[in-house]
N, C-alpha and C. Protein backbone atom coordinates (compact mmCIF):
# COMPACT_ATOMS: atom_id res chain seq x y z
N MET A 1 62.81 156.86 49.35
CA MET A 1 62.45 155.52 48.68
C MET A 1 61.70 154.76 49.76
N LEU A 2 62.02 154.81 50.91
CA LEU A 2 61.31 153.98 51.88
C LEU A 2 59.87 154.55 52.19
N ALA A 3 59.69 155.87 52.02
CA ALA A 3 58.39 156.42 52.16
C ALA A 3 57.41 156.19 50.95
N GLU A 4 58.16 156.02 49.81
CA GLU A 4 57.46 155.73 48.51
C GLU A 4 57.00 154.24 48.63
N GLN A 5 57.87 153.29 49.16
CA GLN A 5 57.37 152.00 49.32
C GLN A 5 56.25 151.82 50.34
N ASP A 6 56.31 152.60 51.40
CA ASP A 6 55.37 152.51 52.48
C ASP A 6 53.88 153.03 52.03
N SER A 7 53.97 154.04 51.13
CA SER A 7 52.73 154.59 50.52
C SER A 7 52.12 153.50 49.58
N GLU A 8 53.11 153.00 48.80
CA GLU A 8 52.63 151.90 47.89
C GLU A 8 51.89 150.74 48.57
N ARG A 9 52.63 150.34 49.69
CA ARG A 9 52.04 149.27 50.51
C ARG A 9 50.52 149.48 51.14
N ARG A 10 50.63 150.74 51.70
CA ARG A 10 49.24 151.24 52.18
C ARG A 10 48.20 151.28 51.17
N ARG A 11 48.51 151.82 49.97
CA ARG A 11 47.59 151.88 48.81
C ARG A 11 47.28 150.37 48.50
N ARG A 12 48.13 149.52 48.35
CA ARG A 12 47.75 148.14 48.03
C ARG A 12 46.86 147.52 49.01
N ASP A 13 47.08 147.82 50.45
CA ASP A 13 46.18 147.35 51.47
C ASP A 13 44.79 147.92 51.25
N TRP A 14 44.66 149.27 51.04
CA TRP A 14 43.20 149.61 50.93
C TRP A 14 42.57 149.18 49.73
N LEU A 15 43.41 149.02 48.51
CA LEU A 15 42.83 148.33 47.34
C LEU A 15 42.27 146.86 47.54
N ALA A 16 43.03 146.18 48.38
CA ALA A 16 42.55 144.82 48.64
C ALA A 16 41.42 144.82 49.55
N VAL A 17 41.25 145.69 50.48
CA VAL A 17 40.09 145.91 51.18
C VAL A 17 38.82 146.31 50.33
N LEU A 18 39.07 147.22 49.59
CA LEU A 18 37.91 147.57 48.70
C LEU A 18 37.47 146.52 47.64
N ALA A 19 38.39 145.68 47.28
CA ALA A 19 38.23 144.76 46.29
C ALA A 19 37.44 143.50 46.82
N LYS A 20 37.60 143.44 48.23
CA LYS A 20 36.82 142.32 48.82
C LYS A 20 35.47 142.77 49.53
N THR A 21 35.14 144.08 49.48
CA THR A 21 34.02 144.50 50.02
C THR A 21 32.90 144.26 49.10
N ASP A 22 31.65 144.01 49.63
CA ASP A 22 30.44 143.97 48.90
C ASP A 22 30.08 145.23 48.22
N THR A 23 29.45 145.20 47.08
CA THR A 23 29.05 146.37 46.34
C THR A 23 28.11 147.16 47.11
N ASP A 24 27.10 146.61 47.69
CA ASP A 24 26.06 147.27 48.44
C ASP A 24 26.74 148.19 49.57
N GLU A 25 27.87 147.58 50.40
CA GLU A 25 28.45 148.30 51.37
C GLU A 25 29.22 149.47 50.70
N LEU A 26 29.81 149.25 49.59
CA LEU A 26 30.55 150.40 49.05
C LEU A 26 29.53 151.47 48.60
N THR A 27 28.37 151.10 48.08
CA THR A 27 27.28 152.07 47.73
C THR A 27 26.88 152.94 49.02
N THR A 28 26.79 152.02 50.03
CA THR A 28 26.37 152.76 51.29
C THR A 28 27.46 153.72 51.74
N HIS A 29 28.65 153.29 51.66
CA HIS A 29 29.61 154.18 52.21
C HIS A 29 30.01 155.52 51.27
N ILE A 30 29.72 155.30 49.99
CA ILE A 30 30.00 156.40 49.06
C ILE A 30 28.96 157.43 49.30
N ALA A 31 27.64 157.02 49.68
CA ALA A 31 26.52 157.93 49.86
C ALA A 31 26.79 158.73 51.11
N LYS A 32 27.61 158.10 52.22
CA LYS A 32 27.90 158.88 53.50
C LYS A 32 29.15 159.55 53.37
N ALA A 33 30.00 159.41 52.28
CA ALA A 33 31.28 159.95 52.08
C ALA A 33 31.17 161.53 51.85
N GLY A 34 30.07 162.10 51.63
CA GLY A 34 29.95 163.51 51.31
C GLY A 34 30.06 163.69 49.70
N PRO A 35 30.09 164.93 49.43
CA PRO A 35 30.18 165.13 48.00
C PRO A 35 31.29 164.51 47.27
N VAL A 36 31.05 163.98 46.02
CA VAL A 36 32.08 163.26 45.28
C VAL A 36 32.44 164.22 44.20
N PRO A 37 33.69 164.59 44.01
CA PRO A 37 33.95 165.51 42.95
C PRO A 37 33.77 164.82 41.51
N PRO A 38 33.61 165.57 40.53
CA PRO A 38 33.38 164.99 39.16
C PRO A 38 34.57 164.19 38.77
N TYR A 39 34.27 163.03 38.09
CA TYR A 39 35.38 162.24 37.59
C TYR A 39 35.10 161.56 36.16
N VAL A 40 36.04 161.25 35.48
CA VAL A 40 35.93 160.75 34.17
C VAL A 40 36.49 159.10 34.25
N ILE A 41 35.62 158.27 33.52
CA ILE A 41 36.08 156.96 33.50
C ILE A 41 37.14 156.79 32.27
N LEU A 42 38.24 156.40 32.70
CA LEU A 42 39.36 156.35 31.45
C LEU A 42 39.33 154.95 30.92
N ARG A 43 39.08 153.87 31.75
CA ARG A 43 39.15 152.50 31.20
C ARG A 43 37.96 151.66 32.01
N GLY A 44 37.27 150.96 31.18
CA GLY A 44 36.24 150.13 31.77
C GLY A 44 35.09 150.83 32.36
N PRO A 45 34.34 150.08 33.27
CA PRO A 45 34.75 148.91 33.87
C PRO A 45 34.46 147.83 32.70
N GLU A 46 35.53 146.96 32.66
CA GLU A 46 35.42 145.83 31.79
C GLU A 46 35.96 144.60 32.54
N SER A 47 35.31 143.56 31.98
CA SER A 47 35.70 142.18 32.64
C SER A 47 36.53 141.39 31.63
N GLY A 48 37.27 140.52 32.20
CA GLY A 48 38.30 139.75 31.44
C GLY A 48 38.72 138.43 32.33
N LEU A 49 39.62 137.84 31.77
CA LEU A 49 40.20 136.66 32.58
C LEU A 49 41.57 136.90 33.05
N ALA A 50 41.86 136.34 34.20
CA ALA A 50 43.28 136.38 34.77
C ALA A 50 43.68 134.87 35.00
N MET A 51 44.99 134.55 34.74
CA MET A 51 45.41 133.29 35.18
C MET A 51 45.81 133.33 36.65
N VAL A 52 45.44 132.28 37.43
CA VAL A 52 45.72 132.25 38.89
C VAL A 52 46.72 131.28 38.95
N ARG A 53 47.91 131.68 39.71
CA ARG A 53 48.95 130.79 39.74
C ARG A 53 48.93 130.33 41.24
N ALA A 54 49.56 129.12 41.50
CA ALA A 54 49.64 128.63 42.88
C ALA A 54 51.07 127.99 43.08
N ARG A 55 51.25 127.61 44.21
CA ARG A 55 52.51 126.82 44.45
C ARG A 55 52.12 125.49 45.12
N ALA A 56 52.89 124.50 44.76
CA ALA A 56 52.69 123.14 45.32
C ALA A 56 52.97 123.15 46.77
N GLY A 57 52.10 122.82 47.68
CA GLY A 57 52.42 122.88 48.94
C GLY A 57 52.58 124.14 49.69
N GLY A 58 52.25 125.11 48.94
CA GLY A 58 52.26 126.54 49.42
C GLY A 58 53.62 127.17 49.28
N SER A 59 54.66 126.40 49.05
CA SER A 59 55.99 126.99 48.81
C SER A 59 56.87 126.23 47.79
N GLY A 60 56.23 125.36 47.14
CA GLY A 60 57.02 124.63 46.04
C GLY A 60 57.07 125.32 44.71
N ASP A 61 56.99 124.48 43.72
CA ASP A 61 57.06 125.12 42.28
C ASP A 61 55.73 125.62 41.98
N ARG A 62 55.81 126.75 41.24
CA ARG A 62 54.52 127.30 40.75
C ARG A 62 53.91 126.59 39.62
N PHE A 63 52.67 126.65 39.61
CA PHE A 63 51.79 126.06 38.48
C PHE A 63 50.63 126.83 38.20
N ASN A 64 50.05 126.78 36.99
CA ASN A 64 48.75 127.50 36.74
C ASN A 64 47.60 126.72 37.21
N LEU A 65 47.01 127.28 38.13
CA LEU A 65 45.68 126.71 38.73
C LEU A 65 44.56 126.69 37.95
N GLY A 66 44.43 127.96 37.18
CA GLY A 66 43.26 128.11 36.37
C GLY A 66 42.98 129.68 36.27
N GLU A 67 41.95 129.82 35.60
CA GLU A 67 41.56 131.17 35.25
C GLU A 67 40.43 131.69 36.13
N MET A 68 40.36 133.00 36.33
CA MET A 68 39.21 133.55 37.05
C MET A 68 38.86 134.84 36.41
N THR A 69 37.52 135.07 36.59
CA THR A 69 36.98 136.38 35.93
C THR A 69 37.25 137.59 36.76
N LEU A 70 37.66 138.62 36.29
CA LEU A 70 37.88 139.87 37.05
C LEU A 70 37.43 141.08 36.32
N THR A 71 37.14 142.09 37.04
CA THR A 71 36.70 143.40 36.41
C THR A 71 37.62 144.49 36.79
N ARG A 72 38.10 145.28 35.88
CA ARG A 72 38.93 146.39 36.15
C ARG A 72 38.23 147.69 35.78
N CYS A 73 38.73 148.78 36.41
CA CYS A 73 38.21 150.17 36.01
C CYS A 73 39.26 151.16 36.35
N THR A 74 39.35 152.19 35.61
CA THR A 74 40.41 153.31 35.92
C THR A 74 39.67 154.43 35.80
N ILE A 75 39.61 155.33 36.76
CA ILE A 75 38.98 156.74 36.56
C ILE A 75 40.05 157.89 36.93
N ARG A 76 39.71 158.99 36.46
CA ARG A 76 40.50 160.16 36.68
C ARG A 76 39.61 161.16 37.51
N MET A 77 40.19 161.68 38.52
CA MET A 77 39.51 162.73 39.29
C MET A 77 40.43 163.93 39.35
N GLY A 78 40.23 164.98 38.66
CA GLY A 78 41.51 165.94 38.52
C GLY A 78 42.68 165.32 38.02
N ASP A 79 43.79 165.42 38.79
CA ASP A 79 45.11 164.82 38.29
C ASP A 79 45.34 163.58 39.02
N ILE A 80 44.29 163.04 39.70
CA ILE A 80 44.46 161.81 40.45
C ILE A 80 43.85 160.65 39.69
N HIS A 81 44.57 159.54 39.55
CA HIS A 81 43.96 158.22 38.89
C HIS A 81 43.58 157.22 39.99
N GLY A 82 42.35 156.75 39.92
CA GLY A 82 41.90 155.68 40.73
C GLY A 82 41.77 154.47 40.05
N VAL A 83 42.21 153.34 40.47
CA VAL A 83 42.17 152.07 39.77
C VAL A 83 41.50 151.02 40.61
N ALA A 84 41.01 149.89 40.04
CA ALA A 84 40.55 148.86 40.90
C ALA A 84 40.41 147.62 39.87
N TYR A 85 40.78 146.44 40.68
CA TYR A 85 40.58 145.16 39.88
C TYR A 85 39.83 144.33 41.16
N VAL A 86 38.66 143.76 40.62
CA VAL A 86 37.82 143.04 41.63
C VAL A 86 37.42 141.74 40.88
N ALA A 87 37.17 140.61 41.80
CA ALA A 87 36.91 139.45 41.32
C ALA A 87 35.42 139.34 40.80
N GLY A 88 35.21 138.68 39.79
CA GLY A 88 33.93 138.60 39.19
C GLY A 88 33.60 139.60 38.08
N ARG A 89 32.37 139.72 37.81
CA ARG A 89 31.89 140.50 36.75
C ARG A 89 31.00 141.90 37.15
N ASP A 90 31.12 142.13 38.29
CA ASP A 90 30.40 143.31 38.97
C ASP A 90 31.06 144.65 38.60
N ARG A 91 30.57 145.26 37.58
CA ARG A 91 31.18 146.54 36.94
C ARG A 91 30.97 147.72 38.02
N ARG A 92 29.79 147.74 38.65
CA ARG A 92 29.68 148.76 39.61
C ARG A 92 30.63 148.74 40.84
N HIS A 93 30.93 147.44 41.27
CA HIS A 93 31.86 147.32 42.33
C HIS A 93 33.23 147.86 41.82
N ALA A 94 33.71 147.63 40.63
CA ALA A 94 34.89 148.02 40.13
C ALA A 94 34.90 149.59 40.13
N GLU A 95 33.87 150.13 39.58
CA GLU A 95 33.92 151.57 39.55
C GLU A 95 33.98 152.28 40.88
N LEU A 96 33.16 151.65 41.75
CA LEU A 96 33.11 152.28 43.25
C LEU A 96 34.47 152.11 43.90
N ALA A 97 35.19 150.95 43.68
CA ALA A 97 36.44 150.61 44.20
C ALA A 97 37.54 151.82 43.78
N ALA A 98 37.42 151.92 42.34
CA ALA A 98 38.32 153.01 41.85
C ALA A 98 38.11 154.34 42.29
N LEU A 99 36.74 154.68 42.49
CA LEU A 99 36.34 156.00 42.96
C LEU A 99 36.89 156.20 44.45
N PHE A 100 36.86 155.20 45.20
CA PHE A 100 37.28 155.25 46.64
C PHE A 100 38.80 155.43 46.49
N ASP A 101 39.43 154.68 45.68
CA ASP A 101 40.95 154.87 45.55
C ASP A 101 41.29 156.21 45.17
N ALA A 102 40.72 156.81 44.37
CA ALA A 102 40.90 158.24 43.96
C ALA A 102 40.68 159.17 45.15
N LEU A 103 39.44 158.94 45.84
CA LEU A 103 39.20 159.75 47.05
C LEU A 103 40.21 159.64 48.08
N LEU A 104 40.77 158.33 48.26
CA LEU A 104 41.71 158.05 49.36
C LEU A 104 43.16 158.58 49.11
N GLN A 105 43.37 159.06 47.84
CA GLN A 105 44.67 159.66 47.50
C GLN A 105 44.59 161.10 47.76
N GLN A 106 43.41 161.72 48.04
CA GLN A 106 43.27 163.23 48.25
C GLN A 106 43.67 163.47 49.78
N PRO A 107 44.70 164.26 49.88
CA PRO A 107 45.22 164.45 51.33
C PRO A 107 44.11 164.92 52.37
N ASP A 108 43.21 165.79 51.88
CA ASP A 108 42.23 166.29 52.72
C ASP A 108 41.07 165.38 53.12
N ARG A 109 40.90 164.28 52.34
CA ARG A 109 39.97 163.28 52.68
C ARG A 109 40.62 161.93 53.14
N HIS A 110 41.80 161.65 53.15
CA HIS A 110 42.33 160.41 53.26
C HIS A 110 42.08 159.87 54.67
N HIS A 111 42.50 160.72 55.68
CA HIS A 111 42.22 160.23 57.04
C HIS A 111 40.79 159.93 57.35
N GLU A 112 40.00 160.75 56.97
CA GLU A 112 38.42 160.57 57.26
C GLU A 112 38.00 159.32 56.67
N LEU A 113 38.30 159.01 55.48
CA LEU A 113 37.82 157.83 54.76
C LEU A 113 38.54 156.59 55.26
N MET A 114 39.82 156.66 55.64
CA MET A 114 40.54 155.49 56.28
C MET A 114 39.81 155.08 57.59
N THR A 115 39.48 156.18 58.38
CA THR A 115 38.87 155.79 59.79
C THR A 115 37.50 155.47 59.63
N SER A 116 36.71 155.93 58.74
CA SER A 116 35.33 155.66 58.64
C SER A 116 34.82 154.67 57.62
N VAL A 117 35.85 154.16 56.69
CA VAL A 117 35.51 153.29 55.67
C VAL A 117 36.40 152.05 55.78
N VAL A 118 37.67 152.28 55.47
CA VAL A 118 38.64 151.18 55.20
C VAL A 118 39.00 150.36 56.44
N TRP A 119 39.30 151.12 57.50
CA TRP A 119 39.80 150.46 58.74
C TRP A 119 38.55 149.38 59.21
N PRO A 120 37.25 150.10 59.35
CA PRO A 120 36.15 149.12 59.74
C PRO A 120 35.88 148.10 58.79
N LEU A 121 35.99 148.19 57.57
CA LEU A 121 35.84 147.17 56.67
C LEU A 121 36.91 145.97 56.66
N ARG A 122 38.22 146.60 57.01
CA ARG A 122 39.26 145.54 57.25
C ARG A 122 38.97 144.73 58.46
N ARG A 123 38.50 145.48 59.58
CA ARG A 123 38.24 144.66 60.78
C ARG A 123 37.10 143.52 60.53
N GLU A 124 36.10 143.90 59.81
CA GLU A 124 35.08 143.04 59.44
C GLU A 124 35.53 141.82 58.65
N GLN A 125 36.32 142.09 57.57
CA GLN A 125 36.92 141.13 56.77
C GLN A 125 37.63 140.17 57.66
N ARG A 126 38.56 140.64 58.46
CA ARG A 126 39.40 139.83 59.34
C ARG A 126 38.77 138.99 60.21
N ALA A 127 37.56 139.52 60.84
CA ALA A 127 36.67 138.81 61.70
C ALA A 127 36.07 137.68 61.03
N ARG A 128 35.55 138.03 59.83
CA ARG A 128 34.83 136.71 59.06
C ARG A 128 36.00 135.71 58.73
N GLN A 129 37.15 136.06 58.34
CA GLN A 129 38.23 135.21 58.00
C GLN A 129 38.68 134.35 59.23
N GLN A 130 38.75 134.96 60.41
CA GLN A 130 39.14 134.37 61.62
C GLN A 130 38.00 133.31 62.09
N ALA A 131 36.70 133.65 61.86
CA ALA A 131 35.64 132.73 62.20
C ALA A 131 35.60 131.53 61.27
N ALA A 132 35.93 131.71 59.97
CA ALA A 132 35.95 130.77 58.96
C ALA A 132 37.23 129.80 59.46
N SER A 133 38.21 130.37 59.63
CA SER A 133 39.41 129.57 60.06
C SER A 133 39.16 128.71 61.28
N ARG A 134 38.53 129.37 62.31
CA ARG A 134 38.08 128.56 63.59
C ARG A 134 37.21 127.51 63.26
N LYS A 135 36.38 127.69 62.35
CA LYS A 135 35.34 126.62 61.94
C LYS A 135 35.97 125.50 61.26
N ALA A 136 36.94 125.88 60.35
CA ALA A 136 37.71 124.85 59.61
C ALA A 136 38.64 124.06 60.61
N ASN A 137 39.29 124.70 61.41
CA ASN A 137 40.15 124.05 62.53
C ASN A 137 39.31 123.13 63.41
N ALA A 138 38.12 123.47 63.79
CA ALA A 138 37.33 122.63 64.62
C ALA A 138 37.00 121.15 63.96
N THR A 139 36.91 121.21 62.50
CA THR A 139 36.70 119.94 61.89
C THR A 139 37.94 119.30 61.27
N LYS A 140 39.05 119.82 61.59
CA LYS A 140 40.38 119.35 61.11
C LYS A 140 40.59 117.89 61.61
N VAL A 141 41.08 117.07 60.74
CA VAL A 141 41.30 115.62 61.06
C VAL A 141 42.85 115.69 61.35
N GLN A 142 43.20 114.96 62.37
CA GLN A 142 44.74 114.79 62.66
C GLN A 142 45.14 113.57 62.25
N PHE A 143 46.04 113.37 61.27
CA PHE A 143 46.63 112.14 61.02
C PHE A 143 47.93 111.82 61.63
N PHE A 144 48.19 110.61 62.00
CA PHE A 144 49.31 110.22 62.63
C PHE A 144 49.67 108.76 62.24
N THR A 145 50.88 108.39 62.38
CA THR A 145 51.36 107.17 61.88
C THR A 145 51.68 106.27 63.18
N MET A 146 51.22 105.02 63.11
CA MET A 146 51.43 104.21 64.12
C MET A 146 52.41 103.04 63.73
N THR A 147 53.22 102.67 64.58
CA THR A 147 54.12 101.53 64.24
C THR A 147 53.41 100.15 64.65
N ARG A 148 53.85 99.09 64.12
CA ARG A 148 53.20 97.90 64.39
C ARG A 148 53.71 97.31 65.65
N GLY A 149 54.66 97.67 66.28
CA GLY A 149 55.23 97.15 67.43
C GLY A 149 56.44 96.39 67.21
N GLU A 150 56.88 96.39 65.96
CA GLU A 150 58.01 95.53 65.59
C GLU A 150 59.25 96.36 66.04
N ASP A 151 60.37 95.76 66.21
CA ASP A 151 61.70 96.38 66.59
C ASP A 151 62.21 96.92 65.51
N PRO A 152 62.54 98.23 65.34
CA PRO A 152 63.23 98.82 64.20
C PRO A 152 64.68 98.24 64.38
N LYS A 153 65.26 97.87 63.14
CA LYS A 153 66.73 97.42 63.31
C LYS A 153 67.49 98.21 62.32
């Protein structure tokens, strides 16, 4: 059971990295990945809307923030199914992400693709996120409350 949960978590992680990667980068990486086995598109790529939910204050009650466009795709490569959900309407992005998902599930290609594609992309994404966070923190306004000097009773 733990091994199954761990493999689900790892797959969820690489799907998130692929969904956040630019289409041009995925195109470059698929060209470098070597021969791609034949695959069949089972569903999509098709665009639709998804409701985005948020929490008040990050931990409070949930509320519907609004809708966002997403594109999904499902492929079959032999007996392996690759899936992808990506933000926006980029059909090629969804297909490439699903293709990488299927390739990453193949035991003979998994390690190679993780080290040459997923891990470097994750590092780049984290570096961009940290840079944006540092920039935002540099302009953060600190609010504080001052008392008027009256004696609290």
